C-alpha atoms as a PDB file:
ATOM      1  CA  UNK A   1     -17.192 -23.887  26.873  1.00  0.00           C
ATOM      2  CA  UNK A   2     -13.727 -25.519  26.537  1.00  0.00           C
ATOM      3  CA  UNK A   3     -12.388 -27.013  29.736  1.00  0.00           C
ATOM      4  CA  UNK A   4      -8.840 -28.199  30.342  1.00  0.00           C
ATOM      5  CA  UNK A   5      -7.994 -30.892  32.750  1.00  0.00           C
ATOM      6  CA  UNK A   6      -4.303 -31.400  33.852  1.00  0.00           C
ATOM      7  CA  UNK A   7      -4.300 -35.036  34.795  1.00  0.00           C
ATOM      8  CA  UNK A   8      -1.688 -36.891  36.817  1.00  0.00           C
ATOM      9  CA  UNK A   9      -0.513 -40.337  35.890  1.00  0.00           C
ATOM     10  CA  UNK A  10      -1.986 -42.055  38.884  1.00  0.00           C
ATOM     11  CA  UNK A  11      -5.078 -44.280  39.358  1.00  0.00           C
ATOM     12  CA  UNK A  12      -7.101 -41.811  41.381  1.00  0.00           C
ATOM     13  CA  UNK A  13      -6.856 -38.970  38.960  1.00  0.00           C
ATOM     14  CA  UNK A  14      -7.808 -41.211  36.041  1.00  0.00           C
ATOM     15  CA  UNK A  15     -10.832 -42.584  37.926  1.00  0.00           C
ATOM     16  CA  UNK A  16     -11.897 -38.962  38.566  1.00  0.00           C
ATOM     17  CA  UNK A  17     -11.454 -37.749  35.020  1.00  0.00           C
ATOM     18  CA  UNK A  18     -13.094 -40.987  33.487  1.00  0.00           C
ATOM     19  CA  UNK A  19     -16.014 -40.222  35.662  1.00  0.00           C
ATOM     20  CA  UNK A  20     -16.273 -36.645  35.029  1.00  0.00           C
ATOM     21  CA  UNK A  21     -15.655 -35.960  31.305  1.00  0.00           C
ATOM     22  CA  UNK A  22     -18.756 -37.848  30.020  1.00  0.00           C
ATOM     23  CA  UNK A  23     -20.972 -35.627  32.239  1.00  0.00           C
ATOM     24  CA  UNK A  24     -19.204 -32.631  30.929  1.00  0.00           C
ATOM     25  CA  UNK A  25     -19.817 -33.692  27.330  1.00  0.00           C
ATOM     26  CA  UNK A  26     -23.580 -34.175  28.216  1.00  0.00           C
ATOM     27  CA  UNK A  27     -23.602 -30.481  29.339  1.00  0.00           C
ATOM     28  CA  UNK A  28     -22.367 -29.415  25.907  1.00  0.00           C
ATOM     29  CA  UNK A  29     -18.777 -28.575  26.822  1.00  0.00           C
ATOM     30  CA  UNK A  30     -15.434 -29.755  25.249  1.00  0.00           C
ATOM     31  CA  UNK A  31     -12.985 -31.327  27.670  1.00  0.00           C
ATOM     32  CA  UNK A  32      -9.269 -30.963  26.920  1.00  0.00           C
ATOM     33  CA  UNK A  33      -7.616 -33.854  28.756  1.00  0.00           C
ATOM     34  CA  UNK A  34      -3.982 -32.974  29.257  1.00  0.00           C
ATOM     35  CA  UNK A  35      -2.049 -35.925  30.639  1.00  0.00           C
ATOM     36  CA  UNK A  36       1.135 -35.287  32.502  1.00  0.00           C
ATOM     37  CA  UNK A  37       3.682 -37.487  34.216  1.00  0.00           C
ATOM     38  CA  UNK A  38       5.306 -37.641  37.529  1.00  0.00           C
ATOM     39  CA  UNK A  39       8.566 -39.576  37.631  1.00  0.00           C
ATOM     40  CA  UNK A  40       9.615 -41.934  40.421  1.00  0.00           C
ATOM     41  CA  UNK A  41      12.066 -40.408  42.923  1.00  0.00           C
ATOM     42  CA  UNK A  42      15.077 -42.717  42.917  1.00  0.00           C
ATOM     43  CA  UNK A  43      15.893 -42.072  46.552  1.00  0.00           C
ATOM     44  CA  UNK A  44      12.443 -42.526  47.869  1.00  0.00           C
ATOM     45  CA  UNK A  45      11.816 -45.045  50.712  1.00  0.00           C
ATOM     46  CA  UNK A  46      11.043 -48.627  49.430  1.00  0.00           C
ATOM     47  CA  UNK A  47       7.351 -48.315  50.512  1.00  0.00           C
ATOM     48  CA  UNK A  48       6.940 -45.192  48.539  1.00  0.00           C
ATOM     49  CA  UNK A  49       8.635 -46.760  45.491  1.00  0.00           C
ATOM     50  CA  UNK A  50       6.209 -49.810  45.798  1.00  0.00           C
ATOM     51  CA  UNK A  51       3.286 -47.227  46.091  1.00  0.00           C
ATOM     52  CA  UNK A  52       4.439 -45.559  42.886  1.00  0.00           C
ATOM     53  CA  UNK A  53       4.587 -48.904  41.099  1.00  0.00           C
ATOM     54  CA  UNK A  54       1.068 -49.919  42.000  1.00  0.00           C
ATOM     55  CA  UNK A  55      -0.469 -46.534  41.758  1.00  0.00           C
ATOM     56  CA  UNK A  56       1.251 -45.227  38.686  1.00  0.00           C
ATOM     57  CA  UNK A  57       3.452 -47.794  37.060  1.00  0.00           C
ATOM     58  CA  UNK A  58       0.868 -50.545  36.583  1.00  0.00           C
ATOM     59  CA  UNK A  59      -1.477 -48.140  34.819  1.00  0.00           C
ATOM     60  CA  UNK A  60       0.898 -46.813  32.191  1.00  0.00           C
ATOM     61  CA  UNK A  61       3.046 -49.927  32.006  1.00  0.00           C
ATOM     62  CA  UNK A  62       0.374 -52.659  31.869  1.00  0.00           C
ATOM     63  CA  UNK A  63      -3.254 -51.683  31.892  1.00  0.00           C
ATOM     64  CA  UNK A  64      -3.162 -48.971  29.114  1.00  0.00           C
ATOM     65  CA  UNK A  65      -0.953 -51.026  26.755  1.00  0.00           C
ATOM     66  CA  UNK A  66      -3.294 -53.978  27.280  1.00  0.00           C
ATOM     67  CA  UNK A  67      -6.492 -51.957  26.668  1.00  0.00           C
ATOM     68  CA  UNK A  68      -4.918 -50.327  23.560  1.00  0.00           C
ATOM     69  CA  UNK A  69      -3.990 -53.678  22.126  1.00  0.00           C
ATOM     70  CA  UNK A  70      -7.691 -54.494  21.872  1.00  0.00           C
ATOM     71  CA  UNK A  71      -9.531 -54.033  18.594  1.00  0.00           C
ATOM     72  CA  UNK A  72     -11.856 -51.438  19.916  1.00  0.00           C
ATOM     73  CA  UNK A  73     -12.264 -49.630  23.266  1.00  0.00           C
ATOM     74  CA  UNK A  74     -14.434 -51.382  25.897  1.00  0.00           C
ATOM     75  CA  UNK A  75     -17.799 -49.594  25.929  1.00  0.00           C
ATOM     76  CA  UNK A  76     -19.192 -49.080  29.365  1.00  0.00           C
ATOM     77  CA  UNK A  77     -15.817 -49.043  31.219  1.00  0.00           C
ATOM     78  CA  UNK A  78     -13.277 -46.487  32.041  1.00  0.00           C
ATOM     79  CA  UNK A  79     -10.810 -45.918  29.082  1.00  0.00           C
ATOM     80  CA  UNK A  80      -7.179 -45.315  28.437  1.00  0.00           C
ATOM     81  CA  UNK A  81      -6.263 -41.825  27.086  1.00  0.00           C
ATOM     82  CA  UNK A  82      -5.907 -43.380  23.547  1.00  0.00           C
ATOM     83  CA  UNK A  83      -9.264 -45.088  24.065  1.00  0.00           C
ATOM     84  CA  UNK A  84     -10.894 -41.907  24.978  1.00  0.00           C
ATOM     85  CA  UNK A  85      -9.482 -40.239  21.865  1.00  0.00           C
ATOM     86  CA  UNK A  86     -10.689 -43.093  19.626  1.00  0.00           C
ATOM     87  CA  UNK A  87     -14.205 -43.449  21.085  1.00  0.00           C
ATOM     88  CA  UNK A  88     -14.875 -39.751  21.421  1.00  0.00           C
ATOM     89  CA  UNK A  89     -13.002 -38.364  18.300  1.00  0.00           C
ATOM     90  CA  UNK A  90     -13.971 -34.863  17.620  1.00  0.00           C
ATOM     91  CA  UNK A  91     -15.760 -34.347  21.000  1.00  0.00           C
ATOM     92  CA  UNK A  92     -12.847 -34.688  23.493  1.00  0.00           C
ATOM     93  CA  UNK A  93      -9.305 -33.397  22.901  1.00  0.00           C
ATOM     94  CA  UNK A  94      -6.557 -35.653  24.373  1.00  0.00           C
ATOM     95  CA  UNK A  95      -2.938 -34.492  24.828  1.00  0.00           C
ATOM     96  CA  UNK A  96       0.241 -35.527  26.394  1.00  0.00           C
ATOM     97  CA  UNK A  97       1.997 -32.588  27.914  1.00  0.00           C
ATOM     98  CA  UNK A  98       5.616 -32.633  28.899  1.00  0.00           C
ATOM     99  CA  UNK A  99       5.693 -29.011  30.217  1.00  0.00           C
ATOM    100  CA  UNK A 100       2.379 -27.422  31.183  1.00  0.00           C
ATOM    101  CA  UNK A 101       4.146 -23.991  31.400  1.00  0.00           C
ATOM    102  CA  UNK A 102       5.881 -23.997  27.988  1.00  0.00           C
ATOM    103  CA  UNK A 103       4.925 -20.898  25.841  1.00  0.00           C
ATOM    104  CA  UNK A 104       3.887 -23.097  23.040  1.00  0.00           C
ATOM    105  CA  UNK A 105       1.469 -25.071  25.118  1.00  0.00           C
ATOM    106  CA  UNK A 106      -0.102 -21.895  26.725  1.00  0.00           C
ATOM    107  CA  UNK A 107      -0.373 -20.336  23.234  1.00  0.00           C
ATOM    108  CA  UNK A 108      -2.207 -23.426  22.002  1.00  0.00           C
ATOM    109  CA  UNK A 109      -4.793 -23.181  24.852  1.00  0.00           C
ATOM    110  CA  UNK A 110      -5.275 -19.477  23.834  1.00  0.00           C
ATOM    111  CA  UNK A 111      -5.609 -20.424  20.131  1.00  0.00           C
ATOM    112  CA  UNK A 112      -8.229 -22.973  20.952  1.00  0.00           C
ATOM    113  CA  UNK A 113     -10.171 -20.705  23.303  1.00  0.00           C
ATOM    114  CA  UNK A 114      -9.837 -22.964  26.362  1.00  0.00           C
ATOM    115  CA  UNK A 115     -11.115 -20.701  29.180  1.00  0.00           C
ATOM    116  CA  UNK A 116     -11.327 -22.960  32.251  1.00  0.00           C
ATOM    117  CA  UNK A 117      -8.802 -25.178  33.809  1.00  0.00           C
ATOM    118  CA  UNK A 118      -8.520 -27.911  36.555  1.00  0.00           C
ATOM    119  CA  UNK A 119      -5.593 -29.734  37.902  1.00  0.00           C
ATOM    120  CA  UNK A 120      -6.367 -33.231  39.032  1.00  0.00           C
ATOM    121  CA  UNK A 121      -3.205 -34.514  40.849  1.00  0.00           C
ATOM    122  CA  UNK A 122      -0.810 -32.856  38.343  1.00  0.00           C
ATOM    123  CA  UNK A 123       2.418 -32.579  40.102  1.00  0.00           C
ATOM    124  CA  UNK A 124       3.930 -29.755  37.915  1.00  0.00           C
ATOM    125  CA  UNK A 125       4.142 -26.347  39.431  1.00  0.00           C
ATOM    126  CA  UNK A 126       1.838 -23.840  37.547  1.00  0.00           C
ATOM    127  CA  UNK A 127       3.540 -20.508  36.686  1.00  0.00           C
ATOM    128  CA  UNK A 128       2.054 -17.184  36.032  1.00  0.00           C
ATOM    129  CA  UNK A 129       1.676 -17.152  32.269  1.00  0.00           C
ATOM    130  CA  UNK A 130      -0.480 -20.273  32.370  1.00  0.00           C
ATOM    131  CA  UNK A 131      -2.410 -19.188  35.481  1.00  0.00           C
ATOM    132  CA  UNK A 132      -2.993 -15.701  33.897  1.00  0.00           C
ATOM    133  CA  UNK A 133      -4.246 -17.361  30.634  1.00  0.00           C
ATOM    134  CA  UNK A 134      -7.415 -18.618  32.645  1.00  0.00           C
ATOM    135  CA  UNK A 135      -8.295 -15.055  33.697  1.00  0.00           C
ATOM    136  CA  UNK A 136     -11.648 -14.117  32.004  1.00  0.00           C
ATOM    137  CA  UNK A 137     -10.414 -10.538  31.690  1.00  0.00           C
ATOM    138  CA  UNK A 138      -7.573  -8.398  32.841  1.00  0.00           C
ATOM    139  CA  UNK A 139      -7.316  -8.298  36.645  1.00  0.00           C
ATOM    140  CA  UNK A 140      -9.970 -10.891  37.148  1.00  0.00           C
ATOM    141  CA  UNK A 141      -9.426 -14.074  39.346  1.00  0.00           C
ATOM    142  CA  UNK A 142      -8.499 -16.991  37.082  1.00  0.00           C
ATOM    143  CA  UNK A 143     -10.921 -19.731  36.298  1.00  0.00           C
ATOM    144  CA  UNK A 144      -8.266 -22.248  37.240  1.00  0.00           C
ATOM    145  CA  UNK A 145      -8.671 -24.607  40.114  1.00  0.00           C
ATOM    146  CA  UNK A 146      -6.931 -27.510  41.710  1.00  0.00           C
ATOM    147  CA  UNK A 147      -8.667 -30.588  43.070  1.00  0.00           C
ATOM    148  CA  UNK A 148      -6.580 -31.223  46.134  1.00  0.00           C
ATOM    149  CA  UNK A 149      -6.849 -34.551  48.049  1.00  0.00           C
ATOM    150  CA  UNK A 150      -6.785 -33.057  51.525  1.00  0.00           C
ATOM    151  CA  UNK A 151      -8.551 -30.694  53.748  1.00  0.00           C
ATOM    152  CA  UNK A 152      -7.231 -27.084  53.251  1.00  0.00           C
ATOM    153  CA  UNK A 153      -5.546 -25.241  54.750  1.00  0.00           C
ATOM    154  CA  UNK A 154      -4.607 -27.887  57.376  1.00  0.00           C
ATOM    155  CA  UNK A 155      -3.351 -30.457  54.944  1.00  0.00           C
ATOM    156  CA  UNK A 156      -1.346 -28.827  52.152  1.00  0.00           C
ATOM    157  CA  UNK A 157       1.203 -30.959  50.265  1.00  0.00           C
ATOM    158  CA  UNK A 158       1.438 -34.648  49.325  1.00  0.00           C
ATOM    159  CA  UNK A 159       0.016 -37.899  50.855  1.00  0.00           C
ATOM    160  CA  UNK A 160      -2.274 -35.849  53.015  1.00  0.00           C
ATOM    161  CA  UNK A 161      -4.690 -38.682  53.462  1.00  0.00           C
ATOM    162  CA  UNK A 162      -1.828 -40.647  54.970  1.00  0.00           C
ATOM    163  CA  UNK A 163      -1.159 -37.657  57.281  1.00  0.00           C
ATOM    164  CA  UNK A 164      -4.708 -37.385  58.210  1.00  0.00           C
ATOM    165  CA  UNK A 165      -4.777 -41.138  59.265  1.00  0.00           C
ATOM    166  CA  UNK A 166      -1.470 -40.653  61.146  1.00  0.00           C
ATOM    167  CA  UNK A 167      -2.965 -38.000  63.144  1.00  0.00           C
ATOM    168  CA  UNK A 168      -6.014 -39.996  64.026  1.00  0.00           C
ATOM    169  CA  UNK A 169      -8.521 -37.654  62.278  1.00  0.00           C
ATOM    170  CA  UNK A 170     -12.132 -38.754  61.948  1.00  0.00           C
ATOM    171  CA  UNK A 171     -12.464 -37.598  58.354  1.00  0.00           C
ATOM    172  CA  UNK A 172     -10.605 -36.473  55.276  1.00  0.00           C
ATOM    173  CA  UNK A 173     -11.571 -35.165  51.964  1.00  0.00           C
ATOM    174  CA  UNK A 174     -11.008 -33.145  48.722  1.00  0.00           C
ATOM    175  CA  UNK A 175     -10.616 -29.394  48.472  1.00  0.00           C
ATOM    176  CA  UNK A 176     -11.205 -27.547  45.199  1.00  0.00           C
ATOM    177  CA  UNK A 177      -9.185 -24.261  45.375  1.00  0.00           C
ATOM    178  CA  UNK A 178      -8.030 -21.639  43.099  1.00  0.00           C
ATOM    179  CA  UNK A 179      -4.602 -22.095  41.553  1.00  0.00           C
ATOM    180  CA  UNK A 180      -2.053 -19.497  42.349  1.00  0.00           C
ATOM    181  CA  UNK A 181       1.754 -19.561  42.390  1.00  0.00           C
ATOM    182  CA  UNK A 182       2.046 -21.083  45.735  1.00  0.00           C
ATOM    183  CA  UNK A 183       1.480 -24.722  46.600  1.00  0.00           C
ATOM    184  CA  UNK A 184      -2.193 -25.530  47.673  1.00  0.00           C
ATOM    185  CA  UNK A 185      -2.686 -21.784  49.001  1.00  0.00           C
ATOM    186  CA  UNK A 186      -5.272 -20.245  46.581  1.00  0.00           C
ATOM    187  CA  UNK A 187      -8.730 -19.358  47.837  1.00  0.00           C
ATOM    188  CA  UNK A 188     -11.105 -22.237  48.661  1.00  0.00           C
ATOM    189  CA  UNK A 189     -13.976 -22.866  46.351  1.00  0.00           C
ATOM    190  CA  UNK A 190     -15.533 -25.921  47.874  1.00  0.00           C
ATOM    191  CA  UNK A 191     -14.750 -28.974  50.215  1.00  0.00           C
ATOM    192  CA  UNK A 192     -16.201 -32.480  50.509  1.00  0.00           C
ATOM    193  CA  UNK A 193     -15.320 -34.771  53.414  1.00  0.00           C
ATOM    194  CA  UNK A 194     -16.184 -38.306  54.518  1.00  0.00           C
ATOM    195  CA  UNK A 195     -15.320 -40.350  57.527  1.00  0.00           C
ATOM    196  CA  UNK A 196     -11.921 -42.386  57.328  1.00  0.00           C
ATOM    197  CA  UNK A 197     -12.181 -45.997  57.583  1.00  0.00           C
ATOM    198  CA  UNK A 198      -9.112 -47.263  59.411  1.00  0.00           C
ATOM    199  CA  UNK A 199      -9.753 -50.792  58.219  1.00  0.00           C
ATOM    200  CA  UNK A 200      -8.904 -49.584  54.692  1.00  0.00           C
ATOM    201  CA  UNK A 201      -5.534 -48.530  53.249  1.00  0.00           C
ATOM    202  CA  UNK A 202      -4.741 -44.933  52.518  1.00  0.00           C
ATOM    203  CA  UNK A 203      -5.321 -45.332  48.835  1.00  0.00           C
ATOM    204  CA  UNK A 204      -8.696 -47.043  49.399  1.00  0.00           C
ATOM    205  CA  UNK A 205      -9.805 -44.184  51.582  1.00  0.00           C
ATOM    206  CA  UNK A 206      -8.982 -41.776  48.833  1.00  0.00           C
ATOM    207  CA  UNK A 207     -10.862 -43.876  46.268  1.00  0.00           C
ATOM    208  CA  UNK A 208     -13.877 -43.842  48.439  1.00  0.00           C
ATOM    209  CA  UNK A 209     -14.125 -40.178  47.916  1.00  0.00           C
ATOM    210  CA  UNK A 210     -13.942 -40.128  44.114  1.00  0.00           C
ATOM    211  CA  UNK A 211     -17.661 -39.555  43.690  1.00  0.00           C
ATOM    212  CA  UNK A 212     -17.951 -36.329  45.787  1.00  0.00           C
ATOM    213  CA  UNK A 213     -14.659 -35.130  44.312  1.00  0.00           C
ATOM    214  CA  UNK A 214     -16.276 -35.433  40.796  1.00  0.00           C
ATOM    215  CA  UNK A 215     -19.159 -33.459  42.016  1.00  0.00           C
ATOM    216  CA  UNK A 216     -16.964 -30.586  43.058  1.00  0.00           C
ATOM    217  CA  UNK A 217     -15.560 -30.382  39.623  1.00  0.00           C
ATOM    218  CA  UNK A 218     -18.910 -30.556  37.827  1.00  0.00           C
ATOM    219  CA  UNK A 219     -20.315 -27.871  40.210  1.00  0.00           C
ATOM    220  CA  UNK A 220     -17.434 -25.596  39.274  1.00  0.00           C
ATOM    221  CA  UNK A 221     -17.854 -26.218  35.608  1.00  0.00           C
ATOM    222  CA  UNK A 222     -21.566 -25.392  35.898  1.00  0.00           C
ATOM    223  CA  UNK A 223     -20.763 -22.174  37.895  1.00  0.00           C
ATOM    224  CA  UNK A 224     -18.105 -21.057  35.407  1.00  0.00           C
ATOM    225  CA  UNK A 225     -20.568 -21.572  32.379  1.00  0.00           C
ATOM    226  CA  UNK A 226     -23.442 -19.871  34.077  1.00  0.00           C
ATOM    227  CA  UNK A 227     -21.579 -16.927  35.784  1.00  0.00           C
ATOM    228  CA  UNK A 228     -18.287 -16.738  34.348  1.00  0.00           C
ATOM    229  CA  UNK A 229     -16.682 -16.489  37.712  1.00  0.00           C
ATOM    230  CA  UNK A 230     -16.207 -18.420  41.002  1.00  0.00           C
ATOM    231  CA  UNK A 231     -16.898 -17.297  44.471  1.00  0.00           C
ATOM    232  CA  UNK A 232     -14.210 -18.359  47.031  1.00  0.00           C
ATOM    233  CA  UNK A 233     -12.815 -17.611  50.428  1.00  0.00           C
ATOM    234  CA  UNK A 234      -9.185 -17.024  51.411  1.00  0.00           C
ATOM    235  CA  UNK A 235      -7.428 -19.734  53.349  1.00  0.00           C
ATOM    236  CA  UNK A 236      -6.730 -19.079  57.041  1.00  0.00           C
ATOM    237  CA  UNK A 237      -2.897 -18.861  57.069  1.00  0.00           C
ATOM    238  CA  UNK A 238      -2.649 -19.478  60.806  1.00  0.00           C
ATOM    239  CA  UNK A 239      -4.268 -22.927  60.297  1.00  0.00           C
ATOM    240  CA  UNK A 240      -1.977 -24.009  57.454  1.00  0.00           C
ATOM    241  CA  UNK A 241       0.125 -27.193  57.587  1.00  0.00           C
ATOM    242  CA  UNK A 242       2.370 -28.276  54.814  1.00  0.00           C
ATOM    243  CA  UNK A 243       3.527 -31.902  54.461  1.00  0.00           C
ATOM    244  CA  UNK A 244       6.250 -33.266  52.184  1.00  0.00           C
ATOM    245  CA  UNK A 245       6.759 -36.947  51.294  1.00  0.00           C
ATOM    246  CA  UNK A 246       6.755 -39.396  54.223  1.00  0.00           C
ATOM    247  CA  UNK A 247      10.092 -40.171  55.696  1.00  0.00           C
ATOM    248  CA  UNK A 248      11.327 -43.403  57.486  1.00  0.00           C
ATOM    249  CA  UNK A 249      10.035 -42.370  60.817  1.00  0.00           C
ATOM    250  CA  UNK A 250       6.543 -41.468  59.505  1.00  0.00           C
ATOM    251  CA  UNK A 251       6.412 -44.902  57.734  1.00  0.00           C
ATOM    252  CA  UNK A 252       7.505 -46.705  60.856  1.00  0.00           C
ATOM    253  CA  UNK A 253       4.741 -44.821  62.760  1.00  0.00           C
ATOM    254  CA  UNK A 254       2.242 -45.902  60.200  1.00  0.00           C
ATOM    255  CA  UNK A 255       3.331 -49.424  60.496  1.00  0.00           C
ATOM    256  CA  UNK A 256       2.975 -49.484  64.306  1.00  0.00           C
ATOM    257  CA  UNK A 257      -0.385 -48.093  63.982  1.00  0.00           C
ATOM    258  CA  UNK A 258      -1.512 -50.667  61.344  1.00  0.00           C
ATOM    259  CA  UNK A 259      -2.003 -48.108  58.604  1.00  0.00           C
ATOM    260  CA  UNK A 260      -1.363 -49.425  55.054  1.00  0.00           C
ATOM    261  CA  UNK A 261      -0.433 -47.080  52.204  1.00  0.00           C
ATOM    262  CA  UNK A 262      -2.069 -49.498  49.820  1.00  0.00           C
ATOM    263  CA  UNK A 263      -3.012 -53.163  49.691  1.00  0.00           C
ATOM    264  CA  UNK A 264      -1.847 -54.888  46.449  1.00  0.00           C
ATOM    265  CA  UNK A 265      -5.065 -56.869  46.046  1.00  0.00           C
ATOM    266  CA  UNK A 266      -7.270 -53.801  46.244  1.00  0.00           C
ATOM    267  CA  UNK A 267      -5.203 -51.998  43.665  1.00  0.00           C
ATOM    268  CA  UNK A 268      -5.378 -54.835  41.114  1.00  0.00           C
ATOM    269  CA  UNK A 269      -8.891 -55.342  41.770  1.00  0.00           C
ATOM    270  CA  UNK A 270      -9.626 -51.736  41.259  1.00  0.00           C
ATOM    271  CA  UNK A 271      -7.837 -51.691  37.967  1.00  0.00           C
ATOM    272  CA  UNK A 272      -9.530 -54.774  36.626  1.00  0.00           C
ATOM    273  CA  UNK A 273     -13.013 -53.602  37.803  1.00  0.00           C
ATOM    274  CA  UNK A 274     -12.682 -50.037  36.451  1.00  0.00           C
ATOM    275  CA  UNK A 275     -11.215 -50.693  33.024  1.00  0.00           C
ATOM    276  CA  UNK A 276     -12.916 -53.967  31.938  1.00  0.00           C
ATOM    277  CA  UNK A 277     -16.543 -55.314  32.111  1.00  0.00           C
ATOM    278  CA  UNK A 278     -17.533 -57.591  34.957  1.00  0.00           C
ATOM    279  CA  UNK A 279     -16.604 -61.305  34.528  1.00  0.00           C
ATOM    280  CA  UNK A 280     -15.348 -60.568  30.972  1.00  0.00           C
ATOM    281  CA  UNK A 281     -12.603 -62.378  29.045  1.00  0.00           C
ATOM    282  CA  UNK A 282     -10.764 -59.108  28.991  1.00  0.00           C
ATOM    283  CA  UNK A 283     -11.034 -58.687  32.716  1.00  0.00           C
ATOM    284  CA  UNK A 284      -9.831 -62.264  33.358  1.00  0.00           C
ATOM    285  CA  UNK A 285      -6.881 -61.725  31.019  1.00  0.00           C
ATOM    286  CA  UNK A 286      -5.971 -58.312  32.494  1.00  0.00           C
ATOM    287  CA  UNK A 287      -6.208 -59.828  36.045  1.00  0.00           C
ATOM    288  CA  UNK A 288      -3.805 -62.542  34.990  1.00  0.00           C
ATOM    289  CA  UNK A 289      -1.367 -60.190  33.445  1.00  0.00           C
ATOM    290  CA  UNK A 290      -1.317 -58.031  36.634  1.00  0.00           C
ATOM    291  CA  UNK A 291      -1.026 -60.963  38.933  1.00  0.00           C
ATOM    292  CA  UNK A 292       1.911 -62.359  36.990  1.00  0.00           C
ATOM    293  CA  UNK A 293       3.701 -59.088  36.834  1.00  0.00           C
ATOM    294  CA  UNK A 294       3.320 -58.196  40.461  1.00  0.00           C
ATOM    295  CA  UNK A 295       4.094 -61.742  41.820  1.00  0.00           C
ATOM    296  CA  UNK A 296       7.450 -61.608  40.186  1.00  0.00           C
ATOM    297  CA  UNK A 297       8.456 -58.509  42.034  1.00  0.00           C
ATOM    298  CA  UNK A 298      10.878 -59.136  44.881  1.00  0.00           C
ATOM    299  CA  UNK A 299       9.102 -59.790  48.151  1.00  0.00           C
ATOM    300  CA  UNK A 300       5.656 -59.574  46.728  1.00  0.00           C
ATOM    301  CA  UNK A 301       3.193 -62.400  46.951  1.00  0.00           C
ATOM    302  CA  UNK A 302       0.578 -62.965  44.115  1.00  0.00           C
ATOM    303  CA  UNK A 303      -2.107 -60.442  44.543  1.00  0.00           C
ATOM    304  CA  UNK A 304      -4.885 -62.032  42.428  1.00  0.00           C
ATOM    305  CA  UNK A 305      -5.564 -65.629  41.940  1.00  0.00           C
END
């Protein structure tokens, strides 16, 4: 079975996909890793621009170029898209996709027989021709799901772990739901939750749930392979809440509550620990590069040292 993953350009989605695709290979399937890109919002609040830099900018602008400059991919660690393509040539298909809804791209999925799809923090809006492509037969529900970081239907939208912490929730989690043309509104396939730790940042709380999120994906792959369908349940519209980006008042409330969007040290440590072997020369070198890069940003103290 050929399975497409539409992957955002953030640390969390790359951790999830790096953990998931080897197990999908072991099950005899062919992963298509379709990397997409979210661009920074020029008018975003400073805290959100800083989050974008740490969560997305460092990965594409520093970590992956460094890894790709090495003579060979680092076995036993998570890999860059280019590293995956090199190390798993012929077993994994790696693509950079500018527009997931382009007729040419949808036609390429059809030509390759890609029948199951997952979005992992891809911020492009999926349109009907792409969604319909994943229907196993005319009129059937598509085998196309979104791994949403938030409990649905209460937490639709973006940065829902931050919203959950602002609301003092005891737990948060990921929801796997069927993709339709509305944001985060398709029927729910599965949910995983864990207690929130208010001593950690929003980003760290999301990373703490990578393992169960991967399990949701793998269970859906197994079900599609075995049954050719998924069983879900409609969302309760009366419970739905949709959240857009945090505004200044939200960020000030978070600050008063002592909630951090992210902690620089934890992001850099996560990048080094995930993409290089422990105590390796490559890890020390990457840590030094990241520390130098972030310590030169206005107002930022060195994060590793």
